Amino acid sequence: MEGLAFIFIVFISIIGFFLFMYFVPVGLWITAIFAGVKVTIGELIGMRIRKVPPSIIVNSLITSTKAGIPLTTNDLETHYLAGGNVPNVIRALISADKANISLSFKQATAIDLAGRDVFEAVQISVNPKVINTPKVAAVAADGIQLIAIARVTVRASLSQLVGGAGEETILARVGEGIVTSIGSAASHKEVLSNPDKISKLVLSRGLDAGTAFEILSIDIADVDVGANIGAKLQTDQAAADLRVAEAKAEERRAMAVAVEQEMKAKAQEARAKVIEAEAEIPKSIAAAFLNGNLGIMDYYKMQNVQADTEMRQSISGSGKGGNQNPTK
């Protein structure tokens, strides 16, 4: 029993020792003291209770102190609890200080919490960044399409990183400026001979206003000649006019056919009326016989007259069944 009790006491002691070393990082405290950073055991225990890694805070505080940037554990803890990247902020502050760039801890933490990489922003501010635009197609006044690619050299503006527009806005504005510059040129040859006019015009428009960058230069890397848009548009317009003319001609032809069919119908209607009138003649003759207005001799005379008329028409060739050659 005494052996089991001894083992239990040793086990409890080991667990207590590791718990003590976890909540009281003595090694980290000693390191801070030798680095010249004032950190108390109570502050380290408080970090453990607040679930803040003491190593991140103490090491960052040691780095900033050695670089001559006065900070406190409370400042670093506050930024960590807010979701910030403490080591990245410290690196950004040291880099800005060495490059003589004005960057306060409050400004750096604001940039970091805004979702931007503050250390990368300081690097871009020190070493400008080159952004390549995609191919931008525009048409000159003479109808020739030009395709340009530009390289935009930018420097981060630390004072506008919070709330400032990003690279996409810069690229969009530069592309718009290139289109405007090429479109205002009287000839595509003018642009090809002096491509620097594009960069000068675009740079003078103040495209970096409201962005997180400052545009240092815009250089036209390449200009290619594309399609003849003016000729293509004229060809398309001519084809469209041809289709319209063909449609109108077809409409007139259809109307002419309709009028012809209408005239044929009217002629048939007239013939029908003539036939109908001729059909009434025998009825009229019969009625004249019945009423005594026409005698049999009168009827024979009328028949003879008709026979003589048909004979004359046959001789002259004007009749329906007449001989076309009366000498025969």
C-alpha atoms as a PDB file:
ATOM      1  CA  MET A   1       0.000   0.000   0.000  1.00  0.00           C
ATOM      2  CA  GLU A   2       2.825   2.379   0.796  1.00  0.00           C
ATOM      3  CA  GLY A   3       4.339   1.697  -2.662  1.00  0.00           C
ATOM      4  CA  LEU A   4       1.063   2.512  -4.425  1.00  0.00           C
ATOM      5  CA  ALA A   5       0.693   5.703  -2.431  1.00  0.00           C
ATOM      6  CA  PHE A   6       4.227   6.732  -3.355  1.00  0.00           C
ATOM      7  CA  ILE A   7       3.572   6.098  -7.053  1.00  0.00           C
ATOM      8  CA  PHE A   8       0.342   8.104  -6.879  1.00  0.00           C
ATOM      9  CA  ILE A   9       2.116  11.009  -5.214  1.00  0.00           C
ATOM     10  CA  VAL A  10       4.852  10.973  -7.870  1.00  0.00           C
ATOM     11  CA  PHE A  11       2.226  10.886 -10.664  1.00  0.00           C
ATOM     12  CA  ILE A  12       0.326  13.797  -9.148  1.00  0.00           C
ATOM     13  CA  SER A  13       3.563  15.730  -8.748  1.00  0.00           C
ATOM     14  CA  ILE A  14       4.517  15.220 -12.397  1.00  0.00           C
ATOM     15  CA  ILE A  15       1.095  16.377 -13.566  1.00  0.00           C
ATOM     16  CA  GLY A  16       1.251  19.370 -11.256  1.00  0.00           C
ATOM     17  CA  PHE A  17       4.727  20.237 -12.513  1.00  0.00           C
ATOM     18  CA  PHE A  18       3.641  20.221 -16.173  1.00  0.00           C
ATOM     19  CA  LEU A  19       0.520  22.239 -15.345  1.00  0.00           C
ATOM     20  CA  PHE A  20       2.648  24.742 -13.479  1.00  0.00           C
ATOM     21  CA  MET A  21       5.111  25.001 -16.369  1.00  0.00           C
ATOM     22  CA  TYR A  22       2.199  25.420 -18.787  1.00  0.00           C
ATOM     23  CA  PHE A  23       0.513  28.227 -16.900  1.00  0.00           C
ATOM     24  CA  VAL A  24       3.785  29.714 -15.683  1.00  0.00           C
ATOM     25  CA  PRO A  25       6.228  29.696 -18.636  1.00  0.00           C
ATOM     26  CA  VAL A  26       9.323  30.346 -16.574  1.00  0.00           C
ATOM     27  CA  GLY A  27      11.661  29.773 -19.504  1.00  0.00           C
ATOM     28  CA  LEU A  28       9.875  32.430 -21.558  1.00  0.00           C
ATOM     29  CA  TRP A  29       9.948  34.797 -18.590  1.00  0.00           C
ATOM     30  CA  ILE A  30      13.698  34.308 -18.185  1.00  0.00           C
ATOM     31  CA  THR A  31      14.232  34.889 -21.912  1.00  0.00           C
ATOM     32  CA  ALA A  32      12.273  38.156 -21.730  1.00  0.00           C
ATOM     33  CA  ILE A  33      14.295  39.353 -18.748  1.00  0.00           C
ATOM     34  CA  PHE A  34      17.630  38.722 -20.492  1.00  0.00           C
ATOM     35  CA  ALA A  35      16.277  40.443 -23.651  1.00  0.00           C
ATOM     36  CA  GLY A  36      15.471  43.570 -21.646  1.00  0.00           C
ATOM     37  CA  VAL A  37      11.674  43.182 -21.870  1.00  0.00           C
ATOM     38  CA  LYS A  38       9.660  43.747 -18.726  1.00  0.00           C
ATOM     39  CA  VAL A  39       7.127  40.939 -18.438  1.00  0.00           C
ATOM     40  CA  THR A  40       5.818  39.663 -15.126  1.00  0.00           C
ATOM     41  CA  ILE A  41       4.804  36.128 -14.242  1.00  0.00           C
ATOM     42  CA  GLY A  42       1.290  37.404 -13.603  1.00  0.00           C
ATOM     43  CA  GLU A  43       1.052  38.783 -17.155  1.00  0.00           C
ATOM     44  CA  LEU A  44       2.140  35.422 -18.585  1.00  0.00           C
ATOM     45  CA  ILE A  45      -0.430  33.571 -16.489  1.00  0.00           C
ATOM     46  CA  GLY A  46      -3.079  36.058 -17.561  1.00  0.00           C
ATOM     47  CA  MET A  47      -2.216  35.374 -21.226  1.00  0.00           C
ATOM     48  CA  ARG A  48      -2.745  31.645 -20.652  1.00  0.00           C
ATOM     49  CA  ILE A  49      -6.100  32.300 -19.025  1.00  0.00           C
ATOM     50  CA  ARG A  50      -7.169  34.595 -21.892  1.00  0.00           C
ATOM     51  CA  LYS A  51      -6.018  31.909 -24.392  1.00  0.00           C
ATOM     52  CA  VAL A  52      -3.329  34.130 -25.839  1.00  0.00           C
ATOM     53  CA  PRO A  53      -0.074  32.303 -26.739  1.00  0.00           C
ATOM     54  CA  PRO A  54       2.576  33.923 -24.529  1.00  0.00           C
ATOM     55  CA  SER A  55       5.369  32.903 -26.936  1.00  0.00           C
ATOM     56  CA  ILE A  56       3.876  34.964 -29.793  1.00  0.00           C
ATOM     57  CA  ILE A  57       3.416  38.048 -27.602  1.00  0.00           C
ATOM     58  CA  VAL A  58       6.768  37.838 -25.821  1.00  0.00           C
ATOM     59  CA  ASN A  59       8.828  37.035 -28.932  1.00  0.00           C
ATOM     60  CA  SER A  60       7.116  39.844 -30.881  1.00  0.00           C
ATOM     61  CA  LEU A  61       7.716  42.224 -27.967  1.00  0.00           C
ATOM     62  CA  ILE A  62      11.392  41.217 -27.830  1.00  0.00           C
ATOM     63  CA  THR A  63      11.750  41.791 -31.602  1.00  0.00           C
ATOM     64  CA  SER A  64      10.122  45.229 -31.488  1.00  0.00           C
ATOM     65  CA  THR A  65      12.163  46.267 -28.437  1.00  0.00           C
ATOM     66  CA  LYS A  66      15.423  45.253 -30.080  1.00  0.00           C
ATOM     67  CA  ALA A  67      14.375  47.265 -33.176  1.00  0.00           C
ATOM     68  CA  GLY A  68      13.721  50.351 -31.061  1.00  0.00           C
ATOM     69  CA  ILE A  69       9.921  50.306 -31.402  1.00  0.00           C
ATOM     70  CA  PRO A  70       8.337  50.763 -27.958  1.00  0.00           C
ATOM     71  CA  LEU A  71       5.276  48.561 -27.479  1.00  0.00           C
ATOM     72  CA  THR A  72       3.524  46.907 -24.563  1.00  0.00           C
ATOM     73  CA  THR A  73       2.136  43.451 -24.015  1.00  0.00           C
ATOM     74  CA  ASN A  74      -1.332  44.980 -23.746  1.00  0.00           C
ATOM     75  CA  ASP A  75      -1.038  46.449 -27.271  1.00  0.00           C
ATOM     76  CA  LEU A  76      -0.013  43.125 -28.759  1.00  0.00           C
ATOM     77  CA  GLU A  77      -2.611  41.145 -26.824  1.00  0.00           C
ATOM     78  CA  THR A  78      -5.383  43.489 -27.943  1.00  0.00           C
ATOM     79  CA  HIS A  79      -4.432  43.095 -31.572  1.00  0.00           C
ATOM     80  CA  TYR A  80      -4.174  39.305 -31.253  1.00  0.00           C
ATOM     81  CA  LEU A  81      -7.579  39.024 -29.599  1.00  0.00           C
ATOM     82  CA  ALA A  82      -9.042  41.185 -32.393  1.00  0.00           C
ATOM     83  CA  GLY A  83      -7.917  38.560 -34.904  1.00  0.00           C
ATOM     84  CA  GLY A  84      -4.754  40.244 -36.126  1.00  0.00           C
ATOM     85  CA  ASN A  85      -1.409  38.813 -37.179  1.00  0.00           C
ATOM     86  CA  VAL A  86       0.967  40.151 -34.522  1.00  0.00           C
ATOM     87  CA  PRO A  87       4.301  38.909 -35.987  1.00  0.00           C
ATOM     88  CA  ASN A  88       3.380  40.290 -39.419  1.00  0.00           C
ATOM     89  CA  VAL A  89       2.598  43.709 -37.918  1.00  0.00           C
ATOM     90  CA  ILE A  90       5.928  43.738 -36.065  1.00  0.00           C
ATOM     91  CA  ARG A  91       7.813  42.871 -39.262  1.00  0.00           C
ATOM     92  CA  ALA A  92       5.964  45.635 -41.111  1.00  0.00           C
ATOM     93  CA  LEU A  93       6.781  48.213 -38.419  1.00  0.00           C
ATOM     94  CA  ILE A  94      10.475  47.285 -38.432  1.00  0.00           C
ATOM     95  CA  SER A  95      10.649  47.356 -42.239  1.00  0.00           C
ATOM     96  CA  ALA A  96       8.919  50.752 -42.407  1.00  0.00           C
ATOM     97  CA  ASP A  97      11.187  52.150 -39.689  1.00  0.00           C
ATOM     98  CA  LYS A  98      14.343  51.031 -41.493  1.00  0.00           C
ATOM     99  CA  ALA A  99      13.055  52.545 -44.759  1.00  0.00           C
ATOM    100  CA  ASN A 100      12.135  55.864 -43.059  1.00  0.00           C
ATOM    101  CA  ILE A 101       8.446  55.351 -43.887  1.00  0.00           C
ATOM    102  CA  SER A 102       5.951  56.820 -41.457  1.00  0.00           C
ATOM    103  CA  LEU A 103       3.846  53.942 -40.107  1.00  0.00           C
ATOM    104  CA  SER A 104       2.387  53.912 -36.619  1.00  0.00           C
ATOM    105  CA  PHE A 105       1.325  50.815 -34.692  1.00  0.00           C
ATOM    106  CA  LYS A 106      -2.309  51.911 -34.817  1.00  0.00           C
ATOM    107  CA  GLN A 107      -2.150  52.380 -38.577  1.00  0.00           C
ATOM    108  CA  ALA A 108      -0.409  49.036 -39.073  1.00  0.00           C
ATOM    109  CA  THR A 109      -2.969  47.160 -36.991  1.00  0.00           C
ATOM    110  CA  ALA A 110      -5.823  48.877 -38.856  1.00  0.00           C
ATOM    111  CA  ILE A 111      -4.363  47.764 -42.198  1.00  0.00           C
ATOM    112  CA  ASP A 112      -3.869  44.239 -40.875  1.00  0.00           C
ATOM    113  CA  LEU A 113      -7.417  43.988 -39.509  1.00  0.00           C
ATOM    114  CA  ALA A 114      -8.764  45.321 -42.837  1.00  0.00           C
ATOM    115  CA  GLY A 115      -7.581  42.097 -44.451  1.00  0.00           C
ATOM    116  CA  ARG A 116      -4.514  43.439 -46.221  1.00  0.00           C
ATOM    117  CA  ASP A 117      -0.985  42.143 -45.802  1.00  0.00           C
ATOM    118  CA  VAL A 118       0.642  45.108 -44.074  1.00  0.00           C
ATOM    119  CA  PHE A 119       4.165  43.681 -44.437  1.00  0.00           C
ATOM    120  CA  GLU A 120       3.667  43.193 -48.194  1.00  0.00           C
ATOM    121  CA  ALA A 121       2.249  46.725 -48.410  1.00  0.00           C
ATOM    122  CA  VAL A 122       5.417  48.116 -46.809  1.00  0.00           C
ATOM    123  CA  GLN A 123       7.545  46.078 -49.217  1.00  0.00           C
ATOM    124  CA  ILE A 124       5.605  47.437 -52.209  1.00  0.00           C
ATOM    125  CA  SER A 125       5.989  50.930 -50.793  1.00  0.00           C
ATOM    126  CA  VAL A 126       9.752  50.434 -50.613  1.00  0.00           C
ATOM    127  CA  ASN A 127      10.106  48.375 -53.795  1.00  0.00           C
ATOM    128  CA  PRO A 128       7.432  49.395 -56.357  1.00  0.00           C
ATOM    129  CA  LYS A 129       5.411  46.630 -58.005  1.00  0.00           C
ATOM    130  CA  VAL A 130       4.831  46.160 -61.736  1.00  0.00           C
ATOM    131  CA  ILE A 131       1.321  45.134 -62.826  1.00  0.00           C
ATOM    132  CA  ASN A 132       0.779  43.817 -66.346  1.00  0.00           C
ATOM    133  CA  THR A 133      -2.569  44.696 -67.864  1.00  0.00           C
ATOM    134  CA  PRO A 134      -4.445  42.186 -70.015  1.00  0.00           C
ATOM    135  CA  LYS A 135      -4.739  42.825 -73.749  1.00  0.00           C
ATOM    136  CA  VAL A 136      -6.821  45.970 -74.320  1.00  0.00           C
ATOM    137  CA  ALA A 137      -8.470  46.289 -77.748  1.00  0.00           C
ATOM    138  CA  ALA A 138      -9.539  49.696 -79.071  1.00  0.00           C
ATOM    139  CA  VAL A 139     -10.402  51.184 -82.471  1.00  0.00           C
ATOM    140  CA  ALA A 140      -8.795  54.331 -83.904  1.00  0.00           C
ATOM    141  CA  ALA A 141     -10.745  56.919 -85.869  1.00  0.00           C
ATOM    142  CA  ASP A 142      -9.747  55.308 -89.185  1.00  0.00           C
ATOM    143  CA  GLY A 143     -11.442  52.047 -88.186  1.00  0.00           C
ATOM    144  CA  ILE A 144      -8.290  49.986 -87.512  1.00  0.00           C
ATOM    145  CA  GLN A 145      -8.266  47.967 -84.288  1.00  0.00           C
ATOM    146  CA  LEU A 146      -5.196  48.129 -82.037  1.00  0.00           C
ATOM    147  CA  ILE A 147      -4.422  45.705 -79.206  1.00  0.00           C
ATOM    148  CA  ALA A 148      -2.193  47.145 -76.475  1.00  0.00           C
ATOM    149  CA  ILE A 149      -0.524  45.733 -73.368  1.00  0.00           C
ATOM    150  CA  ALA A 150       0.713  48.090 -70.640  1.00  0.00           C
ATOM    151  CA  ARG A 151       2.940  47.696 -67.596  1.00  0.00           C
ATOM    152  CA  VAL A 152       1.851  49.799 -64.631  1.00  0.00           C
ATOM    153  CA  THR A 153       4.418  50.526 -61.930  1.00  0.00           C
ATOM    154  CA  VAL A 154       2.702  51.217 -58.604  1.00  0.00           C
ATOM    155  CA  ARG A 155       3.759  51.956 -55.060  1.00  0.00           C
ATOM    156  CA  ALA A 156       1.599  51.208 -52.053  1.00  0.00           C
ATOM    157  CA  SER A 157       0.075  54.230 -50.365  1.00  0.00           C
ATOM    158  CA  LEU A 158      -0.018  53.288 -46.681  1.00  0.00           C
ATOM    159  CA  SER A 159      -2.339  56.162 -45.828  1.00  0.00           C
ATOM    160  CA  GLN A 160      -4.974  54.862 -48.271  1.00  0.00           C
ATOM    161  CA  LEU A 161      -4.663  51.115 -47.751  1.00  0.00           C
ATOM    162  CA  VAL A 162      -7.708  51.118 -45.476  1.00  0.00           C
ATOM    163  CA  GLY A 163     -10.710  51.782 -47.685  1.00  0.00           C
ATOM    164  CA  GLY A 164      -8.684  52.238 -50.874  1.00  0.00           C
ATOM    165  CA  ALA A 165      -9.409  50.327 -54.087  1.00  0.00           C
ATOM    166  CA  GLY A 166      -7.121  47.490 -55.141  1.00  0.00           C
ATOM    167  CA  GLU A 167      -5.246  46.367 -58.244  1.00  0.00           C
ATOM    168  CA  GLU A 168      -8.429  45.494 -60.143  1.00  0.00           C
ATOM    169  CA  THR A 169      -9.523  49.126 -60.081  1.00  0.00           C
ATOM    170  CA  ILE A 170      -6.099  50.272 -61.305  1.00  0.00           C
ATOM    171  CA  LEU A 171      -6.225  47.809 -64.212  1.00  0.00           C
ATOM    172  CA  ALA A 172      -9.776  48.811 -65.122  1.00  0.00           C
ATOM    173  CA  ARG A 173      -8.938  52.529 -65.134  1.00  0.00           C
ATOM    174  CA  VAL A 174      -5.753  52.021 -67.148  1.00  0.00           C
ATOM    175  CA  GLY A 175      -7.678  49.922 -69.681  1.00  0.00           C
ATOM    176  CA  GLU A 176     -10.312  52.637 -69.967  1.00  0.00           C
ATOM    177  CA  GLY A 177      -7.601  55.263 -70.500  1.00  0.00           C
ATOM    178  CA  ILE A 178      -5.958  53.180 -73.244  1.00  0.00           C
ATOM    179  CA  VAL A 179      -9.277  52.774 -75.058  1.00  0.00           C
ATOM    180  CA  THR A 180      -9.931  56.519 -74.834  1.00  0.00           C
ATOM    181  CA  SER A 181      -6.427  57.400 -76.032  1.00  0.00           C
ATOM    182  CA  ILE A 182      -6.527  55.071 -79.047  1.00  0.00           C
ATOM    183  CA  GLY A 183     -10.106  56.035 -79.895  1.00  0.00           C
ATOM    184  CA  SER A 184      -9.206  59.730 -79.998  1.00  0.00           C
ATOM    185  CA  ALA A 185      -6.316  59.148 -82.432  1.00  0.00           C
ATOM    186  CA  ALA A 186      -7.063  60.166 -86.033  1.00  0.00           C
ATOM    187  CA  SER A 187      -5.114  57.219 -87.430  1.00  0.00           C
ATOM    188  CA  HIS A 188      -3.733  53.967 -86.081  1.00  0.00           C
ATOM    189  CA  LYS A 189      -0.366  54.896 -87.627  1.00  0.00           C
ATOM    190  CA  GLU A 190      -0.195  57.848 -85.256  1.00  0.00           C
ATOM    191  CA  VAL A 191      -0.477  55.494 -82.284  1.00  0.00           C
ATOM    192  CA  LEU A 192       2.055  53.021 -83.707  1.00  0.00           C
ATOM    193  CA  SER A 193       4.608  55.767 -84.336  1.00  0.00           C
ATOM    194  CA  ASN A 194       4.210  57.372 -80.893  1.00  0.00           C
ATOM    195  CA  PRO A 195       2.950  54.803 -78.345  1.00  0.00           C
ATOM    196  CA  ASP A 196       4.220  56.997 -75.503  1.00  0.00           C
ATOM    197  CA  LYS A 197       1.286  59.335 -76.183  1.00  0.00           C
ATOM    198  CA  ILE A 198      -0.975  56.665 -74.721  1.00  0.00           C
ATOM    199  CA  SER A 199       1.007  56.409 -71.485  1.00  0.00           C
ATOM    200  CA  LYS A 200       1.277  60.195 -71.113  1.00  0.00           C
ATOM    201  CA  LEU A 201      -2.455  60.701 -71.646  1.00  0.00           C
ATOM    202  CA  VAL A 202      -3.410  57.875 -69.300  1.00  0.00           C
ATOM    203  CA  LEU A 203      -0.946  58.977 -66.616  1.00  0.00           C
ATOM    204  CA  SER A 204      -2.279  62.544 -66.705  1.00  0.00           C
ATOM    205  CA  ARG A 205      -5.803  61.392 -65.840  1.00  0.00           C
ATOM    206  CA  GLY A 206      -5.041  60.774 -62.145  1.00  0.00           C
ATOM    207  CA  LEU A 207      -6.137  57.134 -62.207  1.00  0.00           C
ATOM    208  CA  ASP A 208      -4.778  56.374 -58.723  1.00  0.00           C
ATOM    209  CA  ALA A 209      -7.296  58.630 -56.955  1.00  0.00           C
ATOM    210  CA  GLY A 210      -9.124  56.709 -54.234  1.00  0.00           C
ATOM    211  CA  THR A 211      -6.942  53.622 -54.595  1.00  0.00           C
ATOM    212  CA  ALA A 212      -4.432  51.994 -52.268  1.00  0.00           C
ATOM    213  CA  PHE A 213      -1.611  52.624 -54.730  1.00  0.00           C
ATOM    214  CA  GLU A 214       0.283  55.481 -56.280  1.00  0.00           C
ATOM    215  CA  ILE A 215       0.955  55.086 -60.003  1.00  0.00           C
ATOM    216  CA  LEU A 216       4.579  55.883 -60.777  1.00  0.00           C
ATOM    217  CA  SER A 217       4.601  55.121 -64.504  1.00  0.00           C
ATOM    218  CA  ILE A 218       2.593  53.504 -67.283  1.00  0.00           C
ATOM    219  CA  ASP A 219       4.624  51.939 -70.076  1.00  0.00           C
ATOM    220  CA  ILE A 220       3.164  50.498 -73.277  1.00  0.00           C
ATOM    221  CA  ALA A 221       4.810  47.089 -73.648  1.00  0.00           C
ATOM    222  CA  ASP A 222       3.270  46.013 -76.947  1.00  0.00           C
ATOM    223  CA  VAL A 223       0.866  47.305 -79.617  1.00  0.00           C
ATOM    224  CA  ASP A 224      -0.527  44.941 -82.274  1.00  0.00           C
ATOM    225  CA  VAL A 225      -2.697  45.757 -85.263  1.00  0.00           C
ATOM    226  CA  GLY A 226      -5.986  43.895 -85.191  1.00  0.00           C
ATOM    227  CA  ALA A 227      -8.877  43.723 -87.618  1.00  0.00           C
ATOM    228  CA  ASN A 228     -10.153  46.497 -89.881  1.00  0.00           C
ATOM    229  CA  ILE A 229     -13.298  47.157 -87.885  1.00  0.00           C
ATOM    230  CA  GLY A 230     -14.381  50.081 -90.095  1.00  0.00           C
ATOM    231  CA  ALA A 231     -14.312  47.972 -93.270  1.00  0.00           C
ATOM    232  CA  LYS A 232     -16.064  45.113 -91.490  1.00  0.00           C
ATOM    233  CA  LEU A 233     -18.809  47.431 -90.307  1.00  0.00           C
ATOM    234  CA  GLN A 234     -19.232  48.847 -93.815  1.00  0.00           C
ATOM    235  CA  THR A 235     -19.401  45.317 -95.244  1.00  0.00           C
ATOM    236  CA  ASP A 236     -21.979  44.305 -92.686  1.00  0.00           C
ATOM    237  CA  GLN A 237     -23.986  47.467 -93.413  1.00  0.00           C
ATOM    238  CA  ALA A 238     -23.857  46.798 -97.168  1.00  0.00           C
ATOM    239  CA  ALA A 239     -25.025  43.221 -96.610  1.00  0.00           C
ATOM    240  CA  ALA A 240     -27.845  44.469 -94.404  1.00  0.00           C
ATOM    241  CA  ASP A 241     -28.866  47.067 -97.033  1.00  0.00           C
ATOM    242  CA  LEU A 242     -28.834  44.315 -99.697  1.00  0.00           C
ATOM    243  CA  ARG A 243     -31.123  42.146 -97.605  1.00  0.00           C
ATOM    244  CA  VAL A 244     -33.482  45.094 -97.088  1.00  0.00           C
ATOM    245  CA  ALA A 245     -33.509  45.845-100.851  1.00  0.00           C
ATOM    246  CA  GLU A 246     -34.165  42.184-101.657  1.00  0.00           C
ATOM    247  CA  ALA A 247     -37.010  42.115 -99.153  1.00  0.00           C
ATOM    248  CA  LYS A 248     -38.561  45.255-100.678  1.00  0.00           C
ATOM    249  CA  ALA A 249     -38.183  43.853-104.222  1.00  0.00           C
ATOM    250  CA  GLU A 250     -39.833  40.623-103.149  1.00  0.00           C
ATOM    251  CA  GLU A 251     -42.613  42.643-101.574  1.00  0.00           C
ATOM    252  CA  ARG A 252     -43.152  44.590-104.826  1.00  0.00           C
ATOM    253  CA  ARG A 253     -43.097  41.352-106.853  1.00  0.00           C
ATOM    254  CA  ALA A 254     -45.651  39.786-104.559  1.00  0.00           C
ATOM    255  CA  MET A 255     -47.850  42.866-104.875  1.00  0.00           C
ATOM    256  CA  ALA A 256     -47.548  42.749-108.690  1.00  0.00           C
ATOM    257  CA  VAL A 257     -48.524  39.070-108.712  1.00  0.00           C
ATOM    258  CA  ALA A 258     -51.483  39.856-106.483  1.00  0.00           C
ATOM    259  CA  VAL A 259     -52.604  42.684-108.786  1.00  0.00           C
ATOM    260  CA  GLU A 260     -52.254  40.404-111.817  1.00  0.00           C
ATOM    261  CA  GLN A 261     -54.342  37.732-110.160  1.00  0.00           C
ATOM    262  CA  GLU A 262     -56.879  40.364-109.208  1.00  0.00           C
ATOM    263  CA  MET A 263     -57.101  41.610-112.841  1.00  0.00           C
ATOM    264  CA  LYS A 264     -57.513  38.058-114.088  1.00  0.00           C
ATOM    265  CA  ALA A 265     -60.326  37.554-111.617  1.00  0.00           C
ATOM    266  CA  LYS A 266     -61.989  40.755-112.794  1.00  0.00           C
ATOM    267  CA  ALA A 267     -61.635  39.634-116.469  1.00  0.00           C
ATOM    268  CA  GLN A 268     -63.212  36.299-115.645  1.00  0.00           C
ATOM    269  CA  GLU A 269     -65.958  38.112-113.826  1.00  0.00           C
ATOM    270  CA  ALA A 270     -66.531  40.349-116.895  1.00  0.00           C
ATOM    271  CA  ARG A 271     -66.622  37.311-119.212  1.00  0.00           C
ATOM    272  CA  ALA A 272     -69.100  35.663-116.929  1.00  0.00           C
ATOM    273  CA  LYS A 273     -71.309  38.749-117.105  1.00  0.00           C
ATOM    274  CA  VAL A 274     -71.063  38.767-120.960  1.00  0.00           C
ATOM    275  CA  ILE A 275     -71.989  35.077-121.129  1.00  0.00           C
ATOM    276  CA  GLU A 276     -74.813  35.718-118.734  1.00  0.00           C
ATOM    277  CA  ALA A 277     -76.034  38.619-120.926  1.00  0.00           C
ATOM    278  CA  GLU A 278     -75.736  36.493-124.123  1.00  0.00           C
ATOM    279  CA  ALA A 279     -77.793  33.790-122.418  1.00  0.00           C
ATOM    280  CA  GLU A 280     -80.607  36.300-122.023  1.00  0.00           C
ATOM    281  CA  ILE A 281     -80.818  36.955-125.806  1.00  0.00           C
ATOM    282  CA  PRO A 282     -82.656  33.693-126.704  1.00  0.00           C
ATOM    283  CA  LYS A 283     -85.016  34.341-123.832  1.00  0.00           C
ATOM    284  CA  SER A 284     -85.693  37.835-125.142  1.00  0.00           C
ATOM    285  CA  ILE A 285     -86.315  36.524-128.674  1.00  0.00           C
ATOM    286  CA  ALA A 286     -88.703  33.891-127.332  1.00  0.00           C
ATOM    287  CA  ALA A 287     -90.527  36.521-125.325  1.00  0.00           C
ATOM    288  CA  ALA A 288     -90.785  38.703-128.458  1.00  0.00           C
ATOM    289  CA  PHE A 289     -92.328  35.778-130.374  1.00  0.00           C
ATOM    290  CA  LEU A 290     -94.830  35.184-127.574  1.00  0.00           C
ATOM    291  CA  ASN A 291     -95.776  38.827-127.346  1.00  0.00           C
ATOM    292  CA  GLY A 292     -96.111  39.213-131.158  1.00  0.00           C
ATOM    293  CA  ASN A 293     -93.342  41.754-131.389  1.00  0.00           C
ATOM    294  CA  LEU A 294     -91.260  39.524-133.673  1.00  0.00           C
ATOM    295  CA  GLY A 295     -92.451  37.564-136.688  1.00  0.00           C
ATOM    296  CA  ILE A 296     -91.018  34.509-138.285  1.00  0.00           C
ATOM    297  CA  MET A 297     -89.746  36.491-141.265  1.00  0.00           C
ATOM    298  CA  ASP A 298     -88.038  38.926-139.008  1.00  0.00           C
ATOM    299  CA  TYR A 299     -86.333  36.017-137.300  1.00  0.00           C
ATOM    300  CA  TYR A 300     -85.146  34.594-140.641  1.00  0.00           C
ATOM    301  CA  LYS A 301     -83.801  37.991-141.673  1.00  0.00           C
ATOM    302  CA  MET A 302     -81.870  38.246-138.411  1.00  0.00           C
ATOM    303  CA  GLN A 303     -80.459  34.757-139.042  1.00  0.00           C
ATOM    304  CA  ASN A 304     -79.378  35.776-142.527  1.00  0.00           C
ATOM    305  CA  VAL A 305     -77.717  38.900-141.230  1.00  0.00           C
ATOM    306  CA  GLN A 306     -75.822  36.855-138.643  1.00  0.00           C
ATOM    307  CA  ALA A 307     -74.786  34.334-141.303  1.00  0.00           C
ATOM    308  CA  ASP A 308     -73.550  37.123-143.589  1.00  0.00           C
ATOM    309  CA  THR A 309     -71.599  38.673-140.708  1.00  0.00           C
ATOM    310  CA  GLU A 310     -69.942  35.395-139.857  1.00  0.00           C
ATOM    311  CA  MET A 311     -69.049  34.792-143.490  1.00  0.00           C
ATOM    312  CA  ARG A 312     -67.445  38.261-143.809  1.00  0.00           C
ATOM    313  CA  GLN A 313     -65.484  37.661-140.619  1.00  0.00           C
ATOM    314  CA  SER A 314     -64.349  34.292-141.922  1.00  0.00           C
ATOM    315  CA  ILE A 315     -63.178  35.827-145.211  1.00  0.00           C
ATOM    316  CA  SER A 316     -61.376  38.685-143.493  1.00  0.00           C
ATOM    317  CA  GLY A 317     -59.748  36.315-140.976  1.00  0.00           C
ATOM    318  CA  SER A 318     -61.173  38.143-137.953  1.00  0.00           C
ATOM    319  CA  GLY A 319     -63.546  35.409-136.997  1.00  0.00           C
ATOM    320  CA  LYS A 320     -62.825  32.685-134.522  1.00  0.00           C
ATOM    321  CA  GLY A 321     -62.906  29.901-137.056  1.00  0.00           C
ATOM    322  CA  GLY A 322     -62.031  32.046-140.120  1.00  0.00           C
ATOM    323  CA  ASN A 323     -59.362  31.233-142.728  1.00  0.00           C
ATOM    324  CA  GLN A 324     -56.218  33.235-142.219  1.00  0.00           C
ATOM    325  CA  ASN A 325     -55.475  33.167-146.028  1.00  0.00           C
ATOM    326  CA  PRO A 326     -58.582  34.311-148.017  1.00  0.00           C
ATOM    327  CA  THR A 327     -56.893  33.652-151.422  1.00  0.00           C
ATOM    328  CA  LYS A 328     -57.211  29.961-150.829  1.00  0.00           C
END
